[in-house]
PDB file of N, CA and C in Angstrom:
ATOM      1  N   UNK A   1     102.746  84.617 110.058  1.00  0.00           N
ATOM      2  CA  UNK A   1     102.564  83.459 109.223  1.00  0.00           C
ATOM      3  C   UNK A   1     103.098  82.201 109.903  1.00  0.00           C
ATOM      4  N   UNK A   2     104.268  82.306 110.530  1.00  0.00           N
ATOM      5  CA  UNK A   2     104.881  81.118 111.117  1.00  0.00           C
ATOM      6  C   UNK A   2     104.069  80.549 112.270  1.00  0.00           C
ATOM      7  N   UNK A   3     103.433  81.403 113.038  1.00  0.00           N
ATOM      8  CA  UNK A   3     102.687  80.908 114.187  1.00  0.00           C
ATOM      9  C   UNK A   3     101.179  80.991 113.973  1.00  0.00           C
ATOM     10  N   UNK A   4     100.768  81.203 112.745  1.00  0.00           N
ATOM     11  CA  UNK A   4      99.368  81.173 112.324  1.00  0.00           C
ATOM     12  C   UNK A   4      98.460  82.079 113.154  1.00  0.00           C
ATOM     13  N   UNK A   5      98.945  83.271 113.489  1.00  0.00           N
ATOM     14  CA  UNK A   5      98.120  84.227 114.231  1.00  0.00           C
ATOM     15  C   UNK A   5      96.949  84.672 113.360  1.00  0.00           C
ATOM     16  N   UNK A   6      95.833  84.914 113.988  1.00  0.00           N
ATOM     17  CA  UNK A   6      94.669  85.434 113.282  1.00  0.00           C
ATOM     18  C   UNK A   6      94.665  86.950 113.438  1.00  0.00           C
ATOM     19  N   UNK A   7      94.635  87.650 112.315  1.00  0.00           N
ATOM     20  CA  UNK A   7      94.614  89.104 112.320  1.00  0.00           C
ATOM     21  C   UNK A   7      93.216  89.571 111.924  1.00  0.00           C
ATOM     22  N   UNK A   8      92.545  90.256 112.823  1.00  0.00           N
ATOM     23  CA  UNK A   8      91.225  90.790 112.512  1.00  0.00           C
ATOM     24  C   UNK A   8      91.412  92.035 111.650  1.00  0.00           C
ATOM     25  N   UNK A   9      90.825  92.026 110.474  1.00  0.00           N
ATOM     26  CA  UNK A   9      91.009  93.091 109.489  1.00  0.00           C
ATOM     27  C   UNK A   9      89.636  93.575 109.026  1.00  0.00           C
ATOM     28  N   UNK A  10      89.479  94.884 108.934  1.00  0.00           N
ATOM     29  CA  UNK A  10      88.233  95.467 108.451  1.00  0.00           C
ATOM     30  C   UNK A  10      88.534  96.549 107.427  1.00  0.00           C
ATOM     31  N   UNK A  11      87.696  96.651 106.420  1.00  0.00           N
ATOM     32  CA  UNK A  11      87.791  97.735 105.446  1.00  0.00           C
ATOM     33  C   UNK A  11      86.876  98.858 105.931  1.00  0.00           C
ATOM     34  N   UNK A  12      87.466  99.894 106.519  1.00  0.00           N
ATOM     35  CA  UNK A  12      86.652 100.983 107.060  1.00  0.00           C
ATOM     36  C   UNK A  12      86.270 102.016 106.002  1.00  0.00           C
ATOM     37  N   UNK A  13      86.863 101.919 104.817  1.00  0.00           N
ATOM     38  CA  UNK A  13      86.508 102.849 103.739  1.00  0.00           C
ATOM     39  C   UNK A  13      85.283 102.388 102.968  1.00  0.00           C
ATOM     40  N   UNK A  14      85.026 101.093 102.989  1.00  0.00           N
ATOM     41  CA  UNK A  14      83.922 100.528 102.213  1.00  0.00           C
ATOM     42  C   UNK A  14      83.217  99.459 103.048  1.00  0.00           C
ATOM     43  N   UNK A  15      82.689  99.850 104.234  1.00  0.00           N
ATOM     44  CA  UNK A  15      82.138  98.853 105.153  1.00  0.00           C
ATOM     45  C   UNK A  15      80.883  98.150 104.652  1.00  0.00           C
ATOM     46  N   UNK A  16      80.223  98.718 103.656  1.00  0.00           N
ATOM     47  CA  UNK A  16      79.007  98.102 103.132  1.00  0.00           C
ATOM     48  C   UNK A  16      79.202  97.497 101.751  1.00  0.00           C
ATOM     49  N   UNK A  17      80.459  97.450 101.293  1.00  0.00           N
ATOM     50  CA  UNK A  17      80.733  96.863  99.986  1.00  0.00           C
ATOM     51  C   UNK A  17      80.487  95.367  99.991  1.00  0.00           C
ATOM     52  N   UNK A  18      80.322  94.783  98.815  1.00  0.00           N
ATOM     53  CA  UNK A  18      80.103  93.341  98.754  1.00  0.00           C
ATOM     54  C   UNK A  18      81.327  92.586  99.272  1.00  0.00           C
ATOM     55  N   UNK A  19      81.099  91.474  99.943  1.00  0.00           N
ATOM     56  CA  UNK A  19      82.211  90.676 100.448  1.00  0.00           C
ATOM     57  C   UNK A  19      82.881  89.932  99.300  1.00  0.00           C
ATOM     58  N   UNK A  20      84.210  89.940  99.345  1.00  0.00           N
ATOM     59  CA  UNK A  20      85.026  89.201  98.382  1.00  0.00           C
ATOM     60  C   UNK A  20      86.159  88.558  99.155  1.00  0.00           C
ATOM     61  N   UNK A  21      86.809  87.580  98.560  1.00  0.00           N
ATOM     62  CA  UNK A  21      87.935  86.923  99.217  1.00  0.00           C
ATOM     63  C   UNK A  21      89.246  87.561  98.789  1.00  0.00           C
ATOM     64  N   UNK A  22      90.109  87.794  99.789  1.00  0.00           N
ATOM     65  CA  UNK A  22      91.408  88.408  99.548  1.00  0.00           C
ATOM     66  C   UNK A  22      92.479  87.679 100.342  1.00  0.00           C
ATOM     67  N   UNK A  23      93.695  87.700  99.824  1.00  0.00           N
ATOM     68  CA  UNK A  23      94.879  87.387 100.610  1.00  0.00           C
ATOM     69  C   UNK A  23      95.521  88.725 100.911  1.00  0.00           C
ATOM     70  N   UNK A  24      95.763  89.001 102.186  1.00  0.00           N
ATOM     71  CA  UNK A  24      96.294  90.290 102.613  1.00  0.00           C
ATOM     72  C   UNK A  24      97.746  90.085 103.025  1.00  0.00           C
ATOM     73  N   UNK A  25      98.651  90.794 102.344  1.00  0.00           N
ATOM     74  CA  UNK A  25     100.081  90.621 102.581  1.00  0.00           C
ATOM     75  C   UNK A  25     100.743  91.957 102.872  1.00  0.00           C
ATOM     76  N   UNK A  26     101.921  91.890 103.500  1.00  0.00           N
ATOM     77  CA  UNK A  26     102.688  93.088 103.793  1.00  0.00           C
ATOM     78  C   UNK A  26     103.889  93.201 102.878  1.00  0.00           C
ATOM     79  N   UNK A  27     104.750  94.173 103.167  1.00  0.00           N
ATOM     80  CA  UNK A  27     105.889  94.415 102.280  1.00  0.00           C
ATOM     81  C   UNK A  27     107.230  94.415 103.010  1.00  0.00           C
ATOM     82  N   UNK A  28     107.299  93.879 104.218  1.00  0.00           N
ATOM     83  CA  UNK A  28     108.576  93.874 104.927  1.00  0.00           C
ATOM     84  C   UNK A  28     109.358  92.593 104.661  1.00  0.00           C
ATOM     85  N   UNK A  29     108.713  91.467 104.780  1.00  0.00           N
ATOM     86  CA  UNK A  29     109.379  90.173 104.559  1.00  0.00           C
ATOM     87  C   UNK A  29     108.596  89.363 103.533  1.00  0.00           C
ATOM     88  N   UNK A  30     109.253  88.368 102.983  1.00  0.00           N
ATOM     89  CA  UNK A  30     108.587  87.504 102.001  1.00  0.00           C
ATOM     90  C   UNK A  30     107.499  86.650 102.635  1.00  0.00           C
ATOM     91  N   UNK A  31     107.458  86.575 103.950  1.00  0.00           N
ATOM     92  CA  UNK A  31     106.456  85.753 104.634  1.00  0.00           C
ATOM     93  C   UNK A  31     105.362  86.585 105.296  1.00  0.00           C
ATOM     94  N   UNK A  32     105.228  87.840 104.948  1.00  0.00           N
ATOM     95  CA  UNK A  32     104.257  88.718 105.600  1.00  0.00           C
ATOM     96  C   UNK A  32     102.852  88.523 105.024  1.00  0.00           C
ATOM     97  N   UNK A  33     102.208  87.472 105.471  1.00  0.00           N
ATOM     98  CA  UNK A  33     100.833  87.216 105.051  1.00  0.00           C
ATOM     99  C   UNK A  33      99.940  87.321 106.280  1.00  0.00           C
ATOM    100  N   UNK A  34      99.029  88.257 106.248  1.00  0.00           N
ATOM    101  CA  UNK A  34      98.121  88.480 107.367  1.00  0.00           C
ATOM    102  C   UNK A  34      96.863  87.632 107.259  1.00  0.00           C
ATOM    103  N   UNK A  35      96.448  87.330 106.033  1.00  0.00           N
ATOM    104  CA  UNK A  35      95.213  86.573 105.849  1.00  0.00           C
ATOM    105  C   UNK A  35      95.243  85.883 104.492  1.00  0.00           C
ATOM    106  N   UNK A  36      94.798  84.644 104.482  1.00  0.00           N
ATOM    107  CA  UNK A  36      94.639  83.877 103.241  1.00  0.00           C
ATOM    108  C   UNK A  36      93.145  83.706 102.994  1.00  0.00           C
ATOM    109  N   UNK A  37      92.717  83.996 101.775  1.00  0.00           N
ATOM    110  CA  UNK A  37      91.322  83.758 101.384  1.00  0.00           C
ATOM    111  C   UNK A  37      90.332  84.296 102.419  1.00  0.00           C
ATOM    112  N   UNK A  38      90.556  85.530 102.848  1.00  0.00           N
ATOM    113  CA  UNK A  38      89.724  86.161 103.882  1.00  0.00           C
ATOM    114  C   UNK A  38      88.609  86.947 103.228  1.00  0.00           C
ATOM    115  N   UNK A  39      87.400  86.793 103.741  1.00  0.00           N
ATOM    116  CA  UNK A  39      86.275  87.586 103.259  1.00  0.00           C
ATOM    117  C   UNK A  39      86.343  88.967 103.884  1.00  0.00           C
ATOM    118  N   UNK A  40      86.424  89.977 103.016  1.00  0.00           N
ATOM    119  CA  UNK A  40      86.428  91.381 103.429  1.00  0.00           C
ATOM    120  C   UNK A  40      85.472  92.133 102.526  1.00  0.00           C
ATOM    121  N   UNK A  41      84.952  93.251 103.022  1.00  0.00           N
ATOM    122  CA  UNK A  41      84.177  94.103 102.128  1.00  0.00           C
ATOM    123  C   UNK A  41      85.112  94.570 101.025  1.00  0.00           C
ATOM    124  N   UNK A  42      84.611  94.669  99.827  1.00  0.00           N
ATOM    125  CA  UNK A  42      85.431  94.957  98.650  1.00  0.00           C
ATOM    126  C   UNK A  42      86.498  96.013  98.947  1.00  0.00           C
ATOM    127  N   UNK A  43      87.730  95.689  98.580  1.00  0.00           N
ATOM    128  CA  UNK A  43      88.867  96.581  98.790  1.00  0.00           C
ATOM    129  C   UNK A  43      89.196  97.259  97.462  1.00  0.00           C
ATOM    130  N   UNK A  44      89.172  98.580  97.495  1.00  0.00           N
ATOM    131  CA  UNK A  44      89.476  99.377  96.308  1.00  0.00           C
ATOM    132  C   UNK A  44      90.746 100.166  96.555  1.00  0.00           C
ATOM    133  N   UNK A  45      91.396 100.577  95.489  1.00  0.00           N
ATOM    134  CA  UNK A  45      92.599 101.395  95.640  1.00  0.00           C
ATOM    135  C   UNK A  45      92.278 102.623  96.471  1.00  0.00           C
ATOM    136  N   UNK A  46      93.125 102.887  97.473  1.00  0.00           N
ATOM    137  CA  UNK A  46      92.939 104.043  98.338  1.00  0.00           C
ATOM    138  C   UNK A  46      92.127 103.764  99.588  1.00  0.00           C
ATOM    139  N   UNK A  47      91.540 102.568  99.707  1.00  0.00           N
ATOM    140  CA  UNK A  47      90.777 102.226 100.905  1.00  0.00           C
ATOM    141  C   UNK A  47      91.702 102.079 102.110  1.00  0.00           C
ATOM    142  N   UNK A  48      91.129 102.229 103.294  1.00  0.00           N
ATOM    143  CA  UNK A  48      91.855 102.033 104.547  1.00  0.00           C
ATOM    144  C   UNK A  48      91.398 100.736 105.191  1.00  0.00           C
ATOM    145  N   UNK A  49      92.377  99.887 105.499  1.00  0.00           N
ATOM    146  CA  UNK A  49      92.097  98.659 106.228  1.00  0.00           C
ATOM    147  C   UNK A  49      92.586  98.826 107.650  1.00  0.00           C
ATOM    148  N   UNK A  50      91.791  98.404 108.600  1.00  0.00           N
ATOM    149  CA  UNK A  50      92.189  98.426 110.000  1.00  0.00           C
ATOM    150  C   UNK A  50      92.639  97.026 110.374  1.00  0.00           C
ATOM    151  N   UNK A  51      93.851  96.951 110.921  1.00  0.00           N
ATOM    152  CA  UNK A  51      94.383  95.705 111.453  1.00  0.00           C
ATOM    153  C   UNK A  51      94.283  95.820 112.964  1.00  0.00           C
ATOM    154  N   UNK A  52      93.447  95.006 113.575  1.00  0.00           N
ATOM    155  CA  UNK A  52      93.255  95.096 115.029  1.00  0.00           C
ATOM    156  C   UNK A  52      94.497  94.612 115.783  1.00  0.00           C
ATOM    157  N   UNK A  53      95.283  93.771 115.142  1.00  0.00           N
ATOM    158  CA  UNK A  53      96.567  93.322 115.689  1.00  0.00           C
ATOM    159  C   UNK A  53      97.482  93.100 114.494  1.00  0.00           C
ATOM    160  N   UNK A  54      98.656  93.693 114.521  1.00  0.00           N
ATOM    161  CA  UNK A  54      99.481  93.674 113.314  1.00  0.00           C
ATOM    162  C   UNK A  54     100.928  93.285 113.552  1.00  0.00           C
ATOM    163  N   UNK A  55     101.254  92.757 114.709  1.00  0.00           N
ATOM    164  CA  UNK A  55     102.621  92.304 114.952  1.00  0.00           C
ATOM    165  C   UNK A  55     103.639  93.394 114.722  1.00  0.00           C
ATOM    166  N   UNK A  56     104.677  93.093 113.951  1.00  0.00           N
ATOM    167  CA  UNK A  56     105.781  94.028 113.732  1.00  0.00           C
ATOM    168  C   UNK A  56     105.379  95.239 112.890  1.00  0.00           C
ATOM    169  N   UNK A  57     104.170  95.232 112.317  1.00  0.00           N
ATOM    170  CA  UNK A  57     103.718  96.410 111.592  1.00  0.00           C
ATOM    171  C   UNK A  57     103.177  97.474 112.543  1.00  0.00           C
ATOM    172  N   UNK A  58     102.889  97.111 113.778  1.00  0.00           N
ATOM    173  CA  UNK A  58     102.481  98.067 114.788  1.00  0.00           C
ATOM    174  C   UNK A  58     103.713  98.555 115.536  1.00  0.00           C
ATOM    175  N   UNK A  59     103.620  99.691 116.186  1.00  0.00           N
ATOM    176  CA  UNK A  59     104.793 100.284 116.810  1.00  0.00           C
ATOM    177  C   UNK A  59     105.409  99.400 117.888  1.00  0.00           C
ATOM    178  N   UNK A  60     104.577  98.729 118.677  1.00  0.00           N
ATOM    179  CA  UNK A  60     105.092  97.982 119.827  1.00  0.00           C
ATOM    180  C   UNK A  60     106.059  96.868 119.449  1.00  0.00           C
ATOM    181  N   UNK A  61     105.986  96.332 118.242  1.00  0.00           N
ATOM    182  CA  UNK A  61     106.919  95.284 117.819  1.00  0.00           C
ATOM    183  C   UNK A  61     107.749  95.701 116.608  1.00  0.00           C
ATOM    184  N   UNK A  62     107.685  96.956 116.255  1.00  0.00           N
ATOM    185  CA  UNK A  62     108.356  97.410 115.034  1.00  0.00           C
ATOM    186  C   UNK A  62     109.859  97.524 115.223  1.00  0.00           C
ATOM    187  N   UNK A  63     110.543  97.539 114.105  1.00  0.00           N
ATOM    188  CA  UNK A  63     111.978  97.791 114.088  1.00  0.00           C
ATOM    189  C   UNK A  63     112.283  98.479 112.756  1.00  0.00           C
ATOM    190  N   UNK A  64     113.529  98.767 112.538  1.00  0.00           N
ATOM    191  CA  UNK A  64     113.922  99.370 111.264  1.00  0.00           C
ATOM    192  C   UNK A  64     114.529  98.318 110.337  1.00  0.00           C
ATOM    193  N   UNK A  65     114.125  97.057 110.514  1.00  0.00           N
ATOM    194  CA  UNK A  65     114.566  95.955 109.664  1.00  0.00           C
ATOM    195  C   UNK A  65     114.355  96.320 108.200  1.00  0.00           C
ATOM    196  N   UNK A  66     115.351  96.016 107.393  1.00  0.00           N
ATOM    197  CA  UNK A  66     115.309  96.349 105.956  1.00  0.00           C
ATOM    198  C   UNK A  66     115.114  97.846 105.709  1.00  0.00           C
ATOM    199  N   UNK A  67     115.574  98.658 106.648  1.00  0.00           N
ATOM    200  CA  UNK A  67     115.481 100.126 106.542  1.00  0.00           C
ATOM    201  C   UNK A  67     114.041 100.606 106.381  1.00  0.00           C
ATOM    202  N   UNK A  68     113.136  99.924 107.054  1.00  0.00           N
ATOM    203  CA  UNK A  68     111.732 100.352 107.027  1.00  0.00           C
ATOM    204  C   UNK A  68     111.492 101.375 108.123  1.00  0.00           C
ATOM    205  N   UNK A  69     110.632 102.308 107.833  1.00  0.00           N
ATOM    206  CA  UNK A  69     110.273 103.314 108.815  1.00  0.00           C
ATOM    207  C   UNK A  69     109.315 102.714 109.842  1.00  0.00           C
ATOM    208  N   UNK A  70     109.422 103.170 111.080  1.00  0.00           N
ATOM    209  CA  UNK A  70     108.442 102.784 112.080  1.00  0.00           C
ATOM    210  C   UNK A  70     107.153 103.557 111.799  1.00  0.00           C
ATOM    211  N   UNK A  71     106.022 102.929 112.053  1.00  0.00           N
ATOM    212  CA  UNK A  71     104.747 103.556 111.693  1.00  0.00           C
ATOM    213  C   UNK A  71     104.323 104.633 112.678  1.00  0.00           C
ATOM    214  N   UNK A  72     103.418 105.465 112.214  1.00  0.00           N
ATOM    215  CA  UNK A  72     102.764 106.425 113.105  1.00  0.00           C
ATOM    216  C   UNK A  72     101.783 105.657 113.980  1.00  0.00           C
ATOM    217  N   UNK A  73     101.403 106.271 115.078  1.00  0.00           N
ATOM    218  CA  UNK A  73     100.364 105.705 115.934  1.00  0.00           C
ATOM    219  C   UNK A  73      99.235 106.712 116.045  1.00  0.00           C
ATOM    220  N   UNK A  74      98.034 106.199 115.889  1.00  0.00           N
ATOM    221  CA  UNK A  74      96.843 107.038 115.973  1.00  0.00           C
ATOM    222  C   UNK A  74      95.912 106.432 117.012  1.00  0.00           C
ATOM    223  N   UNK A  75      95.446 107.244 117.913  1.00  0.00           N
ATOM    224  CA  UNK A  75      94.474 106.843 118.919  1.00  0.00           C
ATOM    225  C   UNK A  75      93.121 107.376 118.481  1.00  0.00           C
ATOM    226  N   UNK A  76      92.124 106.518 118.488  1.00  0.00           N
ATOM    227  CA  UNK A  76      90.767 106.953 118.164  1.00  0.00           C
ATOM    228  C   UNK A  76      89.950 106.889 119.441  1.00  0.00           C
ATOM    229  N   UNK A  77      89.463 108.035 119.851  1.00  0.00           N
ATOM    230  CA  UNK A  77      88.650 108.109 121.064  1.00  0.00           C
ATOM    231  C   UNK A  77      87.385 108.884 120.742  1.00  0.00           C
ATOM    232  N   UNK A  78      86.269 108.321 121.104  1.00  0.00           N
ATOM    233  CA  UNK A  78      84.961 108.937 120.815  1.00  0.00           C
ATOM    234  C   UNK A  78      84.827 109.261 119.336  1.00  0.00           C
ATOM    235  N   UNK A  79      85.376 108.379 118.494  1.00  0.00           N
ATOM    236  CA  UNK A  79      85.258 108.545 117.049  1.00  0.00           C
ATOM    237  C   UNK A  79      86.182 109.584 116.439  1.00  0.00           C
ATOM    238  N   UNK A  80      87.084 110.160 117.241  1.00  0.00           N
ATOM    239  CA  UNK A  80      87.975 111.200 116.723  1.00  0.00           C
ATOM    240  C   UNK A  80      89.423 110.709 116.751  1.00  0.00           C
ATOM    241  N   UNK A  81      90.116 110.753 115.594  1.00  0.00           N
ATOM    242  CA  UNK A  81      91.515 110.310 115.561  1.00  0.00           C
ATOM    243  C   UNK A  81      92.458 111.369 116.116  1.00  0.00           C
ATOM    244  N   UNK A  82      93.503 110.906 116.803  1.00  0.00           N
ATOM    245  CA  UNK A  82      94.518 111.805 117.349  1.00  0.00           C
ATOM    246  C   UNK A  82      95.884 111.171 117.115  1.00  0.00           C
ATOM    247  N   UNK A  83      96.766 111.869 116.446  1.00  0.00           N
ATOM    248  CA  UNK A  83      98.117 111.377 116.221  1.00  0.00           C
ATOM    249  C   UNK A  83      98.868 111.400 117.549  1.00  0.00           C
ATOM    250  N   UNK A  84      99.374 110.256 117.992  1.00  0.00           N
ATOM    251  CA  UNK A  84     100.104 110.201 119.256  1.00  0.00           C
ATOM    252  C   UNK A  84     101.595 109.965 119.051  1.00  0.00           C
ATOM    253  N   UNK A  85     101.989 109.511 117.887  1.00  0.00           N
ATOM    254  CA  UNK A  85     103.416 109.348 117.558  1.00  0.00           C
ATOM    255  C   UNK A  85     103.540 109.478 116.042  1.00  0.00           C
ATOM    256  N   UNK A  86     104.444 110.345 115.610  1.00  0.00           N
ATOM    257  CA  UNK A  86     104.614 110.535 114.164  1.00  0.00           C
ATOM    258  C   UNK A  86     105.354 109.342 113.556  1.00  0.00           C
ATOM    259  N   UNK A  87     105.170 109.125 112.262  1.00  0.00           N
ATOM    260  CA  UNK A  87     105.894 108.056 111.573  1.00  0.00           C
ATOM    261  C   UNK A  87     107.339 108.470 111.377  1.00  0.00           C
ATOM    262  N   UNK A  88     108.226 107.494 111.268  1.00  0.00           N
ATOM    263  CA  UNK A  88     109.633 107.785 111.006  1.00  0.00           C
ATOM    264  C   UNK A  88     109.807 108.464 109.653  1.00  0.00           C
ATOM    265  N   UNK A  89     110.883 109.202 109.560  1.00  0.00           N
ATOM    266  CA  UNK A  89     111.321 109.792 108.300  1.00  0.00           C
ATOM    267  C   UNK A  89     112.735 109.285 108.035  1.00  0.00           C
ATOM    268  N   UNK A  90     113.280 109.566 106.860  1.00  0.00           N
ATOM    269  CA  UNK A  90     114.601 109.061 106.486  1.00  0.00           C
ATOM    270  C   UNK A  90     115.660 109.441 107.522  1.00  0.00           C
ATOM    271  N   UNK A  91     115.593 110.660 108.017  1.00  0.00           N
ATOM    272  CA  UNK A  91     116.577 111.126 109.001  1.00  0.00           C
ATOM    273  C   UNK A  91     116.552 110.266 110.273  1.00  0.00           C
ATOM    274  N   UNK A  92     115.408 109.722 110.611  1.00  0.00           N
ATOM    275  CA  UNK A  92     115.304 108.866 111.794  1.00  0.00           C
ATOM    276  C   UNK A  92     116.104 107.579 111.626  1.00  0.00           C
ATOM    277  N   UNK A  93     116.233 107.096 110.388  1.00  0.00           N
ATOM    278  CA  UNK A  93     117.033 105.895 110.142  1.00  0.00           C
ATOM    279  C   UNK A  93     118.523 106.159 110.366  1.00  0.00           C
ATOM    280  N   UNK A  94     118.934 107.392 110.164  1.00  0.00           N
ATOM    281  CA  UNK A  94     120.349 107.741 110.228  1.00  0.00           C
ATOM    282  C   UNK A  94     120.798 108.375 111.546  1.00  0.00           C
ATOM    283  N   UNK A  95     119.877 108.806 112.379  1.00  0.00           N
ATOM    284  CA  UNK A  95     120.228 109.656 113.528  1.00  0.00           C
ATOM    285  C   UNK A  95     121.178 109.033 114.518  1.00  0.00           C
ATOM    286  N   UNK A  96     121.219 107.721 114.660  1.00  0.00           N
ATOM    287  CA  UNK A  96     122.117 107.080 115.619  1.00  0.00           C
ATOM    288  C   UNK A  96     123.375 106.516 114.994  1.00  0.00           C
ATOM    289  N   UNK A  97     123.534 106.692 113.689  1.00  0.00           N
ATOM    290  CA  UNK A  97     124.749 106.187 113.039  1.00  0.00           C
ATOM    291  C   UNK A  97     125.919 107.100 113.357  1.00  0.00           C
ATOM    292  N   UNK A  98     127.058 106.477 113.551  1.00  0.00           N
ATOM    293  CA  UNK A  98     128.261 107.230 113.857  1.00  0.00           C
ATOM    294  C   UNK A  98     129.118 107.419 112.606  1.00  0.00           C
ATOM    295  N   UNK A  99     129.217 106.419 111.799  1.00  0.00           N
ATOM    296  CA  UNK A  99     129.996 106.504 110.549  1.00  0.00           C
ATOM    297  C   UNK A  99     129.099 106.346 109.363  1.00  0.00           C
TER     298      UNK A  99
END
């Protein structure tokens, strides 16, 4: 939000749905807005959105800020998904604590 990055977002669950305008926000910080008034194919509960670039929501810039888990990473090759890194679990937040 601060540097006005453009995040390419697609609804892969409903790619042929009618276009509607959405503001797409995250849940880590109060400023986590990925898109304002963005036209996307209709988003329904349970749909999957692909963020082509997601900043700190992707593993490469992630942290455990606010005790958030680091995300899983999935590689899609030839149309087939492959888990390449599992998502954090609660124990991962605690594993390096000494006290």
